[in-house]
């Protein structure tokens, strides 16, 4: 970081590339006892000070992990079993390397 770089808490400011899945994205799943337990695991990866990049997505400061949920997924309405996503990303390209579905 140079003297002229400025980081604004909870703002992506163009620092992070748009995420995308490819045919190489590994789809994985894990089952937890509660939504709180699943979120706790996700927070261990995104860290203490995640960046809100919009669209219900929080990304780690280093851009390697992302936690997200889409409408209806937390309750399971129309999206199967309730879950959140924890995604391992390529921080340079934004490609999703692993998409973990954390169910409860």
PDB file of N, CA and C in Angstrom:
ATOM      1  N   UNK A   1       0.840  -1.173   0.000  1.00  0.00           N
ATOM      2  CA  UNK A   1       0.000   0.000   0.000  1.00  0.00           C
ATOM      3  C   UNK A   1       0.890   1.243   0.000  1.00  0.00           C
ATOM      4  N   UNK A   2       0.613   2.162  -0.893  1.00  0.00           N
ATOM      5  CA  UNK A   2       1.406   3.392  -0.954  1.00  0.00           C
ATOM      6  C   UNK A   2       0.798   4.453  -0.042  1.00  0.00           C
ATOM      7  N   UNK A   3       1.511   5.582   0.110  1.00  0.00           N
ATOM      8  CA  UNK A   3       1.013   6.675   0.942  1.00  0.00           C
ATOM      9  C   UNK A   3      -0.288   7.256   0.410  1.00  0.00           C
ATOM     10  N   UNK A   4      -0.564   7.082  -0.888  1.00  0.00           N
ATOM     11  CA  UNK A   4      -1.751   7.664  -1.489  1.00  0.00           C
ATOM     12  C   UNK A   4      -2.931   6.703  -1.542  1.00  0.00           C
ATOM     13  N   UNK A   5      -2.719   5.421  -1.211  1.00  0.00           N
ATOM     14  CA  UNK A   5      -3.824   4.463  -1.191  1.00  0.00           C
ATOM     15  C   UNK A   5      -4.712   4.744   0.005  1.00  0.00           C
ATOM     16  N   UNK A   6      -5.996   4.646  -0.208  1.00  0.00           N
ATOM     17  CA  UNK A   6      -6.964   4.872   0.858  1.00  0.00           C
ATOM     18  C   UNK A   6      -7.891   3.671   0.900  1.00  0.00           C
ATOM     19  N   UNK A   7      -8.084   3.113   2.090  1.00  0.00           N
ATOM     20  CA  UNK A   7      -9.024   2.014   2.244  1.00  0.00           C
ATOM     21  C   UNK A   7     -10.200   2.508   3.061  1.00  0.00           C
ATOM     22  N   UNK A   8     -11.389   2.289   2.564  1.00  0.00           N
ATOM     23  CA  UNK A   8     -12.601   2.701   3.263  1.00  0.00           C
ATOM     24  C   UNK A   8     -13.286   1.448   3.765  1.00  0.00           C
ATOM     25  N   UNK A   9     -13.527   1.369   5.073  1.00  0.00           N
ATOM     26  CA  UNK A   9     -14.182   0.220   5.686  1.00  0.00           C
ATOM     27  C   UNK A   9     -15.533  -0.042   5.029  1.00  0.00           C
ATOM     28  N   UNK A  10     -15.799  -1.317   4.719  1.00  0.00           N
ATOM     29  CA  UNK A  10     -17.066  -1.767   4.131  1.00  0.00           C
ATOM     30  C   UNK A  10     -17.373  -1.135   2.776  1.00  0.00           C
ATOM     31  N   UNK A  11     -16.358  -0.882   2.005  1.00  0.00           N
ATOM     32  CA  UNK A  11     -16.553  -0.395   0.649  1.00  0.00           C
ATOM     33  C   UNK A  11     -15.526  -1.061  -0.237  1.00  0.00           C
ATOM     34  N   UNK A  12     -15.964  -1.635  -1.365  1.00  0.00           N
ATOM     35  CA  UNK A  12     -15.003  -2.354  -2.191  1.00  0.00           C
ATOM     36  C   UNK A  12     -14.206  -1.411  -3.066  1.00  0.00           C
ATOM     37  N   UNK A  13     -14.725  -0.269  -3.438  1.00  0.00           N
ATOM     38  CA  UNK A  13     -13.990   0.737  -4.175  1.00  0.00           C
ATOM     39  C   UNK A  13     -13.254   0.223  -5.394  1.00  0.00           C
ATOM     40  N   UNK A  14     -13.740  -0.829  -6.034  1.00  0.00           N
ATOM     41  CA  UNK A  14     -13.088  -1.350  -7.224  1.00  0.00           C
ATOM     42  C   UNK A  14     -11.889  -2.239  -6.924  1.00  0.00           C
ATOM     43  N   UNK A  15     -11.608  -2.484  -5.670  1.00  0.00           N
ATOM     44  CA  UNK A  15     -10.463  -3.296  -5.266  1.00  0.00           C
ATOM     45  C   UNK A  15     -10.646  -4.766  -5.617  1.00  0.00           C
ATOM     46  N   UNK A  16     -11.877  -5.242  -5.602  1.00  0.00           N
ATOM     47  CA  UNK A  16     -12.152  -6.659  -5.786  1.00  0.00           C
ATOM     48  C   UNK A  16     -12.821  -6.916  -7.134  1.00  0.00           C
ATOM     49  N   UNK A  17     -12.345  -7.938  -7.858  1.00  0.00           N
ATOM     50  CA  UNK A  17     -12.991  -8.264  -9.143  1.00  0.00           C
ATOM     51  C   UNK A  17     -14.347  -8.905  -8.925  1.00  0.00           C
ATOM     52  N   UNK A  18     -15.192  -8.833  -9.927  1.00  0.00           N
ATOM     53  CA  UNK A  18     -16.506  -9.477  -9.885  1.00  0.00           C
ATOM     54  C   UNK A  18     -16.295 -10.985  -9.824  1.00  0.00           C
ATOM     55  N   UNK A  19     -17.028 -11.639  -8.938  1.00  0.00           N
ATOM     56  CA  UNK A  19     -16.897 -13.093  -8.803  1.00  0.00           C
ATOM     57  C   UNK A  19     -17.698 -13.801  -9.897  1.00  0.00           C
ATOM     58  N   UNK A  20     -17.234 -14.992 -10.270  1.00  0.00           N
ATOM     59  CA  UNK A  20     -17.947 -15.798 -11.266  1.00  0.00           C
ATOM     60  C   UNK A  20     -17.589 -17.267 -11.095  1.00  0.00           C
ATOM     61  N   UNK A  21     -18.558 -18.124 -11.395  1.00  0.00           N
ATOM     62  CA  UNK A  21     -18.311 -19.557 -11.401  1.00  0.00           C
ATOM     63  C   UNK A  21     -17.885 -19.978 -12.801  1.00  0.00           C
ATOM     64  N   UNK A  22     -17.091 -21.028 -12.878  1.00  0.00           N
ATOM     65  CA  UNK A  22     -16.663 -21.577 -14.157  1.00  0.00           C
ATOM     66  C   UNK A  22     -16.904 -23.089 -14.126  1.00  0.00           C
ATOM     67  N   UNK A  23     -16.568 -23.745 -15.214  1.00  0.00           N
ATOM     68  CA  UNK A  23     -16.734 -25.201 -15.236  1.00  0.00           C
ATOM     69  C   UNK A  23     -15.711 -25.888 -14.327  1.00  0.00           C
ATOM     70  N   UNK A  24     -14.758 -25.131 -13.787  1.00  0.00           N
ATOM     71  CA  UNK A  24     -13.774 -25.675 -12.846  1.00  0.00           C
ATOM     72  C   UNK A  24     -14.200 -25.474 -11.384  1.00  0.00           C
ATOM     73  N   UNK A  25     -15.276 -24.724 -11.139  1.00  0.00           N
ATOM     74  CA  UNK A  25     -15.719 -24.460  -9.778  1.00  0.00           C
ATOM     75  C   UNK A  25     -16.173 -25.760  -9.117  1.00  0.00           C
ATOM     76  N   UNK A  26     -15.558 -26.103  -7.996  1.00  0.00           N
ATOM     77  CA  UNK A  26     -15.936 -27.295  -7.240  1.00  0.00           C
ATOM     78  C   UNK A  26     -17.131 -26.971  -6.352  1.00  0.00           C
ATOM     79  N   UNK A  27     -18.197 -27.748  -6.471  1.00  0.00           N
ATOM     80  CA  UNK A  27     -19.391 -27.592  -5.642  1.00  0.00           C
ATOM     81  C   UNK A  27     -19.281 -28.554  -4.469  1.00  0.00           C
ATOM     82  N   UNK A  28     -19.313 -28.015  -3.248  1.00  0.00           N
ATOM     83  CA  UNK A  28     -19.145 -28.828  -2.052  1.00  0.00           C
ATOM     84  C   UNK A  28     -20.228 -28.484  -1.049  1.00  0.00           C
ATOM     85  N   UNK A  29     -20.423 -29.339  -0.078  1.00  0.00           N
ATOM     86  CA  UNK A  29     -21.428 -29.083   0.934  1.00  0.00           C
ATOM     87  C   UNK A  29     -21.021 -29.597   2.292  1.00  0.00           C
ATOM     88  N   UNK A  30     -21.586 -28.982   3.326  1.00  0.00           N
ATOM     89  CA  UNK A  30     -21.358 -29.408   4.702  1.00  0.00           C
ATOM     90  C   UNK A  30     -22.628 -29.119   5.491  1.00  0.00           C
ATOM     91  N   UNK A  31     -22.922 -29.958   6.476  1.00  0.00           N
ATOM     92  CA  UNK A  31     -24.145 -29.843   7.279  1.00  0.00           C
ATOM     93  C   UNK A  31     -23.786 -29.406   8.696  1.00  0.00           C
ATOM     94  N   UNK A  32     -24.543 -28.431   9.220  1.00  0.00           N
ATOM     95  CA  UNK A  32     -24.336 -27.914  10.565  1.00  0.00           C
ATOM     96  C   UNK A  32     -25.631 -28.008  11.360  1.00  0.00           C
ATOM     97  N   UNK A  33     -25.527 -27.844  12.669  1.00  0.00           N
ATOM     98  CA  UNK A  33     -26.692 -27.962  13.543  1.00  0.00           C
ATOM     99  C   UNK A  33     -27.594 -26.735  13.526  1.00  0.00           C
ATOM    100  N   UNK A  34     -27.039 -25.584  13.116  1.00  0.00           N
ATOM    101  CA  UNK A  34     -27.820 -24.350  13.134  1.00  0.00           C
ATOM    102  C   UNK A  34     -27.258 -23.348  12.135  1.00  0.00           C
ATOM    103  N   UNK A  35     -28.067 -22.336  11.848  1.00  0.00           N
ATOM    104  CA  UNK A  35     -27.605 -21.251  10.989  1.00  0.00           C
ATOM    105  C   UNK A  35     -26.424 -20.534  11.645  1.00  0.00           C
ATOM    106  N   UNK A  36     -26.487 -20.337  12.955  1.00  0.00           N
ATOM    107  CA  UNK A  36     -25.412 -19.670  13.680  1.00  0.00           C
ATOM    108  C   UNK A  36     -24.093 -20.420  13.557  1.00  0.00           C
ATOM    109  N   UNK A  37     -24.149 -21.737  13.617  1.00  0.00           N
ATOM    110  CA  UNK A  37     -22.935 -22.546  13.492  1.00  0.00           C
ATOM    111  C   UNK A  37     -22.353 -22.415  12.075  1.00  0.00           C
ATOM    112  N   UNK A  38     -23.212 -22.445  11.068  1.00  0.00           N
ATOM    113  CA  UNK A  38     -22.748 -22.291   9.681  1.00  0.00           C
ATOM    114  C   UNK A  38     -22.126 -20.913   9.477  1.00  0.00           C
ATOM    115  N   UNK A  39     -22.773 -19.868   9.987  1.00  0.00           N
ATOM    116  CA  UNK A  39     -22.230 -18.513   9.850  1.00  0.00           C
ATOM    117  C   UNK A  39     -20.900 -18.361  10.594  1.00  0.00           C
ATOM    118  N   UNK A  40     -20.778 -19.017  11.730  1.00  0.00           N
ATOM    119  CA  UNK A  40     -19.543 -18.954  12.505  1.00  0.00           C
ATOM    120  C   UNK A  40     -18.372 -19.526  11.702  1.00  0.00           C
ATOM    121  N   UNK A  41     -18.603 -20.638  11.018  1.00  0.00           N
ATOM    122  CA  UNK A  41     -17.559 -21.228  10.168  1.00  0.00           C
ATOM    123  C   UNK A  41     -17.208 -20.257   9.040  1.00  0.00           C
ATOM    124  N   UNK A  42     -18.221 -19.664   8.416  1.00  0.00           N
ATOM    125  CA  UNK A  42     -17.975 -18.715   7.324  1.00  0.00           C
ATOM    126  C   UNK A  42     -17.147 -17.532   7.815  1.00  0.00           C
ATOM    127  N   UNK A  43     -17.450 -17.048   9.009  1.00  0.00           N
ATOM    128  CA  UNK A  43     -16.723 -15.891   9.543  1.00  0.00           C
ATOM    129  C   UNK A  43     -15.255 -16.202   9.818  1.00  0.00           C
ATOM    130  N   UNK A  44     -14.931 -17.468  10.111  1.00  0.00           N
ATOM    131  CA  UNK A  44     -13.525 -17.812  10.325  1.00  0.00           C
ATOM    132  C   UNK A  44     -12.721 -17.620   9.039  1.00  0.00           C
ATOM    133  N   UNK A  45     -13.363 -17.757   7.888  1.00  0.00           N
ATOM    134  CA  UNK A  45     -12.676 -17.602   6.608  1.00  0.00           C
ATOM    135  C   UNK A  45     -12.662 -16.153   6.119  1.00  0.00           C
ATOM    136  N   UNK A  46     -13.786 -15.442   6.263  1.00  0.00           N
ATOM    137  CA  UNK A  46     -13.832 -14.061   5.760  1.00  0.00           C
ATOM    138  C   UNK A  46     -13.164 -13.076   6.713  1.00  0.00           C
ATOM    139  N   UNK A  47     -12.933 -13.492   7.955  1.00  0.00           N
ATOM    140  CA  UNK A  47     -12.195 -12.666   8.895  1.00  0.00           C
ATOM    141  C   UNK A  47     -13.056 -11.702   9.692  1.00  0.00           C
ATOM    142  N   UNK A  48     -12.383 -10.956  10.546  1.00  0.00           N
ATOM    143  CA  UNK A  48     -13.051 -10.065  11.487  1.00  0.00           C
ATOM    144  C   UNK A  48     -13.567  -8.785  10.853  1.00  0.00           C
ATOM    145  N   UNK A  49     -12.993  -8.366   9.774  1.00  0.00           N
ATOM    146  CA  UNK A  49     -13.356  -7.088   9.170  1.00  0.00           C
ATOM    147  C   UNK A  49     -13.655  -7.270   7.677  1.00  0.00           C
ATOM    148  N   UNK A  50     -14.700  -8.068   7.344  1.00  0.00           N
ATOM    149  CA  UNK A  50     -14.996  -8.311   5.934  1.00  0.00           C
ATOM    150  C   UNK A  50     -15.487  -7.050   5.238  1.00  0.00           C
ATOM    151  N   UNK A  51     -15.371  -7.052   3.923  1.00  0.00           N
ATOM    152  CA  UNK A  51     -15.790  -5.928   3.098  1.00  0.00           C
ATOM    153  C   UNK A  51     -17.132  -6.264   2.471  1.00  0.00           C
ATOM    154  N   UNK A  52     -18.099  -5.384   2.627  1.00  0.00           N
ATOM    155  CA  UNK A  52     -19.412  -5.549   2.013  1.00  0.00           C
ATOM    156  C   UNK A  52     -19.290  -5.140   0.544  1.00  0.00           C
ATOM    157  N   UNK A  53     -19.385  -6.104  -0.361  1.00  0.00           N
ATOM    158  CA  UNK A  53     -19.247  -5.776  -1.778  1.00  0.00           C
ATOM    159  C   UNK A  53     -20.591  -5.747  -2.490  1.00  0.00           C
ATOM    160  N   UNK A  54     -21.691  -5.800  -1.732  1.00  0.00           N
ATOM    161  CA  UNK A  54     -23.034  -5.724  -2.308  1.00  0.00           C
ATOM    162  C   UNK A  54     -23.603  -7.077  -2.643  1.00  0.00           C
ATOM    163  N   UNK A  55     -24.862  -7.093  -3.068  1.00  0.00           N
ATOM    164  CA  UNK A  55     -25.556  -8.328  -3.444  1.00  0.00           C
ATOM    165  C   UNK A  55     -25.478  -9.390  -2.349  1.00  0.00           C
ATOM    166  N   UNK A  56     -25.606  -8.977  -1.081  1.00  0.00           N
ATOM    167  CA  UNK A  56     -25.557  -9.897   0.056  1.00  0.00           C
ATOM    168  C   UNK A  56     -24.251 -10.674   0.120  1.00  0.00           C
ATOM    169  N   UNK A  57     -23.137  -9.999  -0.181  1.00  0.00           N
ATOM    170  CA  UNK A  57     -21.823 -10.639  -0.187  1.00  0.00           C
ATOM    171  C   UNK A  57     -20.857  -9.899   0.727  1.00  0.00           C
ATOM    172  N   UNK A  58     -20.141 -10.667   1.540  1.00  0.00           N
ATOM    173  CA  UNK A  58     -19.058 -10.146   2.362  1.00  0.00           C
ATOM    174  C   UNK A  58     -17.792 -10.865   1.935  1.00  0.00           C
ATOM    175  N   UNK A  59     -16.726 -10.124   1.674  1.00  0.00           N
ATOM    176  CA  UNK A  59     -15.478 -10.708   1.189  1.00  0.00           C
ATOM    177  C   UNK A  59     -14.350 -10.412   2.166  1.00  0.00           C
ATOM    178  N   UNK A  60     -13.445 -11.362   2.294  1.00  0.00           N
ATOM    179  CA  UNK A  60     -12.282 -11.172   3.160  1.00  0.00           C
ATOM    180  C   UNK A  60     -11.420 -10.034   2.613  1.00  0.00           C
ATOM    181  N   UNK A  61     -10.677  -9.413   3.497  1.00  0.00           N
ATOM    182  CA  UNK A  61      -9.809  -8.299   3.107  1.00  0.00           C
ATOM    183  C   UNK A  61      -8.837  -8.697   2.001  1.00  0.00           C
ATOM    184  N   UNK A  62      -8.351  -9.955   2.022  1.00  0.00           N
ATOM    185  CA  UNK A  62      -7.379 -10.396   1.015  1.00  0.00           C
ATOM    186  C   UNK A  62      -8.053 -10.885  -0.276  1.00  0.00           C
ATOM    187  N   UNK A  63      -9.396 -10.884  -0.302  1.00  0.00           N
ATOM    188  CA  UNK A  63     -10.126 -11.258  -1.507  1.00  0.00           C
ATOM    189  C   UNK A  63     -10.197 -12.748  -1.791  1.00  0.00           C
ATOM    190  N   UNK A  64      -9.761 -13.583  -0.857  1.00  0.00           N
ATOM    191  CA  UNK A  64      -9.708 -15.029  -1.096  1.00  0.00           C
ATOM    192  C   UNK A  64     -10.965 -15.783  -0.683  1.00  0.00           C
ATOM    193  N   UNK A  65     -11.793 -15.204   0.181  1.00  0.00           N
ATOM    194  CA  UNK A  65     -13.001 -15.878   0.657  1.00  0.00           C
ATOM    195  C   UNK A  65     -14.189 -14.933   0.595  1.00  0.00           C
ATOM    196  N   UNK A  66     -15.345 -15.506   0.339  1.00  0.00           N
ATOM    197  CA  UNK A  66     -16.571 -14.727   0.236  1.00  0.00           C
ATOM    198  C   UNK A  66     -17.721 -15.503   0.866  1.00  0.00           C
ATOM    199  N   UNK A  67     -18.529 -14.793   1.612  1.00  0.00           N
ATOM    200  CA  UNK A  67     -19.735 -15.339   2.238  1.00  0.00           C
ATOM    201  C   UNK A  67     -20.910 -14.664   1.565  1.00  0.00           C
ATOM    202  N   UNK A  68     -21.909 -15.442   1.146  1.00  0.00           N
ATOM    203  CA  UNK A  68     -23.071 -14.831   0.507  1.00  0.00           C
ATOM    204  C   UNK A  68     -24.315 -15.660   0.745  1.00  0.00           C
ATOM    205  N   UNK A  69     -25.448 -15.002   0.538  1.00  0.00           N
ATOM    206  CA  UNK A  69     -26.741 -15.681   0.557  1.00  0.00           C
ATOM    207  C   UNK A  69     -27.645 -14.991  -0.458  1.00  0.00           C
ATOM    208  N   UNK A  70     -28.493 -15.768  -1.051  1.00  0.00           N
ATOM    209  CA  UNK A  70     -29.445 -15.231  -2.022  1.00  0.00           C
ATOM    210  C   UNK A  70     -30.842 -15.266  -1.418  1.00  0.00           C
ATOM    211  N   UNK A  71     -31.752 -14.413  -1.915  1.00  0.00           N
ATOM    212  CA  UNK A  71     -33.107 -14.394  -1.361  1.00  0.00           C
ATOM    213  C   UNK A  71     -33.720 -15.798  -1.332  1.00  0.00           C
ATOM    214  N   UNK A  72     -34.285 -16.146  -0.205  1.00  0.00           N
ATOM    215  CA  UNK A  72     -34.942 -17.437  -0.042  1.00  0.00           C
ATOM    216  C   UNK A  72     -34.041 -18.553   0.446  1.00  0.00           C
ATOM    217  N   UNK A  73     -32.739 -18.392   0.347  1.00  0.00           N
ATOM    218  CA  UNK A  73     -31.838 -19.471   0.751  1.00  0.00           C
ATOM    219  C   UNK A  73     -31.752 -19.638   2.267  1.00  0.00           C
ATOM    220  N   UNK A  74     -31.850 -18.556   3.025  1.00  0.00           N
ATOM    221  CA  UNK A  74     -31.763 -18.666   4.477  1.00  0.00           C
ATOM    222  C   UNK A  74     -32.952 -19.413   5.059  1.00  0.00           C
ATOM    223  N   UNK A  75     -34.104 -19.251   4.444  1.00  0.00           N
ATOM    224  CA  UNK A  75     -35.305 -19.935   4.924  1.00  0.00           C
ATOM    225  C   UNK A  75     -35.565 -21.232   4.181  1.00  0.00           C
ATOM    226  N   UNK A  76     -34.935 -21.389   3.025  1.00  0.00           N
ATOM    227  CA  UNK A  76     -35.165 -22.574   2.216  1.00  0.00           C
ATOM    228  C   UNK A  76     -36.336 -22.433   1.259  1.00  0.00           C
ATOM    229  N   UNK A  77     -37.025 -21.298   1.284  1.00  0.00           N
ATOM    230  CA  UNK A  77     -38.176 -21.096   0.399  1.00  0.00           C
ATOM    231  C   UNK A  77     -37.731 -21.028  -1.054  1.00  0.00           C
ATOM    232  N   UNK A  78     -38.127 -22.021  -1.828  1.00  0.00           N
ATOM    233  CA  UNK A  78     -37.846 -22.029  -3.255  1.00  0.00           C
ATOM    234  C   UNK A  78     -36.412 -22.371  -3.624  1.00  0.00           C
ATOM    235  N   UNK A  79     -35.555 -22.594  -2.654  1.00  0.00           N
ATOM    236  CA  UNK A  79     -34.141 -22.860  -2.937  1.00  0.00           C
ATOM    237  C   UNK A  79     -33.673 -24.139  -2.252  1.00  0.00           C
ATOM    238  N   UNK A  80     -34.570 -25.046  -1.903  1.00  0.00           N
ATOM    239  CA  UNK A  80     -34.165 -26.280  -1.231  1.00  0.00           C
ATOM    240  C   UNK A  80     -33.903 -26.058   0.239  1.00  0.00           C
ATOM    241  N   UNK A  81     -33.002 -26.835   0.794  1.00  0.00           N
ATOM    242  CA  UNK A  81     -32.664 -26.776   2.207  1.00  0.00           C
ATOM    243  C   UNK A  81     -31.995 -25.436   2.548  1.00  0.00           C
ATOM    244  N   UNK A  82     -32.329 -24.844   3.713  1.00  0.00           N
ATOM    245  CA  UNK A  82     -31.705 -23.566   4.099  1.00  0.00           C
ATOM    246  C   UNK A  82     -30.181 -23.675   4.120  1.00  0.00           C
ATOM    247  N   UNK A  83     -29.523 -22.657   3.572  1.00  0.00           N
ATOM    248  CA  UNK A  83     -28.069 -22.665   3.528  1.00  0.00           C
ATOM    249  C   UNK A  83     -27.515 -21.288   3.198  1.00  0.00           C
ATOM    250  N   UNK A  84     -26.202 -21.170   3.374  1.00  0.00           N
ATOM    251  CA  UNK A  84     -25.425 -20.013   2.935  1.00  0.00           C
ATOM    252  C   UNK A  84     -24.293 -20.545   2.061  1.00  0.00           C
ATOM    253  N   UNK A  85     -23.619 -19.645   1.382  1.00  0.00           N
ATOM    254  CA  UNK A  85     -22.480 -20.025   0.544  1.00  0.00           C
ATOM    255  C   UNK A  85     -21.195 -19.459   1.148  1.00  0.00           C
ATOM    256  N   UNK A  86     -20.170 -20.281   1.157  1.00  0.00           N
ATOM    257  CA  UNK A  86     -18.823 -19.841   1.495  1.00  0.00           C
ATOM    258  C   UNK A  86     -17.980 -20.190   0.284  1.00  0.00           C
ATOM    259  N   UNK A  87     -17.418 -19.168  -0.343  1.00  0.00           N
ATOM    260  CA  UNK A  87     -16.721 -19.383  -1.608  1.00  0.00           C
ATOM    261  C   UNK A  87     -15.246 -19.016  -1.508  1.00  0.00           C
ATOM    262  N   UNK A  88     -14.405 -19.921  -1.999  1.00  0.00           N
ATOM    263  CA  UNK A  88     -12.972 -19.665  -2.112  1.00  0.00           C
ATOM    264  C   UNK A  88     -12.744 -19.084  -3.497  1.00  0.00           C
ATOM    265  N   UNK A  89     -12.087 -17.922  -3.558  1.00  0.00           N
ATOM    266  CA  UNK A  89     -11.924 -17.191  -4.810  1.00  0.00           C
ATOM    267  C   UNK A  89     -10.468 -17.061  -5.225  1.00  0.00           C
ATOM    268  N   UNK A  90     -10.277 -16.880  -6.512  1.00  0.00           N
ATOM    269  CA  UNK A  90      -8.992 -16.399  -7.012  1.00  0.00           C
ATOM    270  C   UNK A  90      -9.053 -14.881  -6.830  1.00  0.00           C
ATOM    271  N   UNK A  91      -8.247 -14.298  -5.936  1.00  0.00           N
ATOM    272  CA  UNK A  91      -8.367 -12.871  -5.650  1.00  0.00           C
ATOM    273  C   UNK A  91      -7.996 -11.958  -6.822  1.00  0.00           C
ATOM    274  N   UNK A  92      -7.318 -12.503  -7.820  1.00  0.00           N
ATOM    275  CA  UNK A  92      -6.924 -11.699  -8.984  1.00  0.00           C
ATOM    276  C   UNK A  92      -8.041 -11.662 -10.029  1.00  0.00           C
ATOM    277  N   UNK A  93      -8.616 -12.831 -10.328  1.00  0.00           N
ATOM    278  CA  UNK A  93      -9.626 -12.914 -11.396  1.00  0.00           C
ATOM    279  C   UNK A  93     -11.062 -12.874 -10.889  1.00  0.00           C
ATOM    280  N   UNK A  94     -11.278 -13.271  -9.629  1.00  0.00           N
ATOM    281  CA  UNK A  94     -12.627 -13.366  -9.091  1.00  0.00           C
ATOM    282  C   UNK A  94     -13.277 -14.723  -9.332  1.00  0.00           C
ATOM    283  N   UNK A  95     -12.571 -15.626 -10.023  1.00  0.00           N
ATOM    284  CA  UNK A  95     -13.133 -16.956 -10.280  1.00  0.00           C
ATOM    285  C   UNK A  95     -13.382 -17.679  -8.964  1.00  0.00           C
ATOM    286  N   UNK A  96     -14.551 -18.290  -8.849  1.00  0.00           N
ATOM    287  CA  UNK A  96     -14.882 -19.073  -7.666  1.00  0.00           C
ATOM    288  C   UNK A  96     -14.243 -20.450  -7.830  1.00  0.00           C
ATOM    289  N   UNK A  97     -13.303 -20.771  -6.951  1.00  0.00           N
ATOM    290  CA  UNK A  97     -12.592 -22.038  -6.995  1.00  0.00           C
ATOM    291  C   UNK A  97     -13.416 -23.132  -6.329  1.00  0.00           C
ATOM    292  N   UNK A  98     -13.983 -22.818  -5.163  1.00  0.00           N
ATOM    293  CA  UNK A  98     -14.844 -23.736  -4.424  1.00  0.00           C
ATOM    294  C   UNK A  98     -16.086 -22.995  -3.962  1.00  0.00           C
ATOM    295  N   UNK A  99     -17.243 -23.603  -4.144  1.00  0.00           N
ATOM    296  CA  UNK A  99     -18.498 -23.047  -3.652  1.00  0.00           C
ATOM    297  C   UNK A  99     -19.041 -24.018  -2.612  1.00  0.00           C
ATOM    298  N   UNK A 100     -18.837 -23.672  -1.337  1.00  0.00           N
ATOM    299  CA  UNK A 100     -19.323 -24.495  -0.237  1.00  0.00           C
ATOM    300  C   UNK A 100     -20.753 -24.091   0.109  1.00  0.00           C
ATOM    301  N   UNK A 101     -21.657 -25.047   0.106  1.00  0.00           N
ATOM    302  CA  UNK A 101     -23.031 -24.850   0.535  1.00  0.00           C
ATOM    303  C   UNK A 101     -23.071 -25.309   2.004  1.00  0.00           C
ATOM    304  N   UNK A 102     -23.256 -24.365   2.910  1.00  0.00           N
ATOM    305  CA  UNK A 102     -23.286 -24.681   4.343  1.00  0.00           C
ATOM    306  C   UNK A 102     -24.744 -24.794   4.770  1.00  0.00           C
ATOM    307  N   UNK A 103     -25.204 -26.027   4.958  1.00  0.00           N
ATOM    308  CA  UNK A 103     -26.612 -26.330   5.294  1.00  0.00           C
ATOM    309  C   UNK A 103     -26.796 -26.458   6.792  1.00  0.00           C
ATOM    310  N   UNK A 104     -28.037 -26.277   7.232  1.00  0.00           N
ATOM    311  CA  UNK A 104     -28.392 -26.563   8.641  1.00  0.00           C
ATOM    312  C   UNK A 104     -29.774 -27.170   8.685  1.00  0.00           C
TER     313      UNK A 104
END
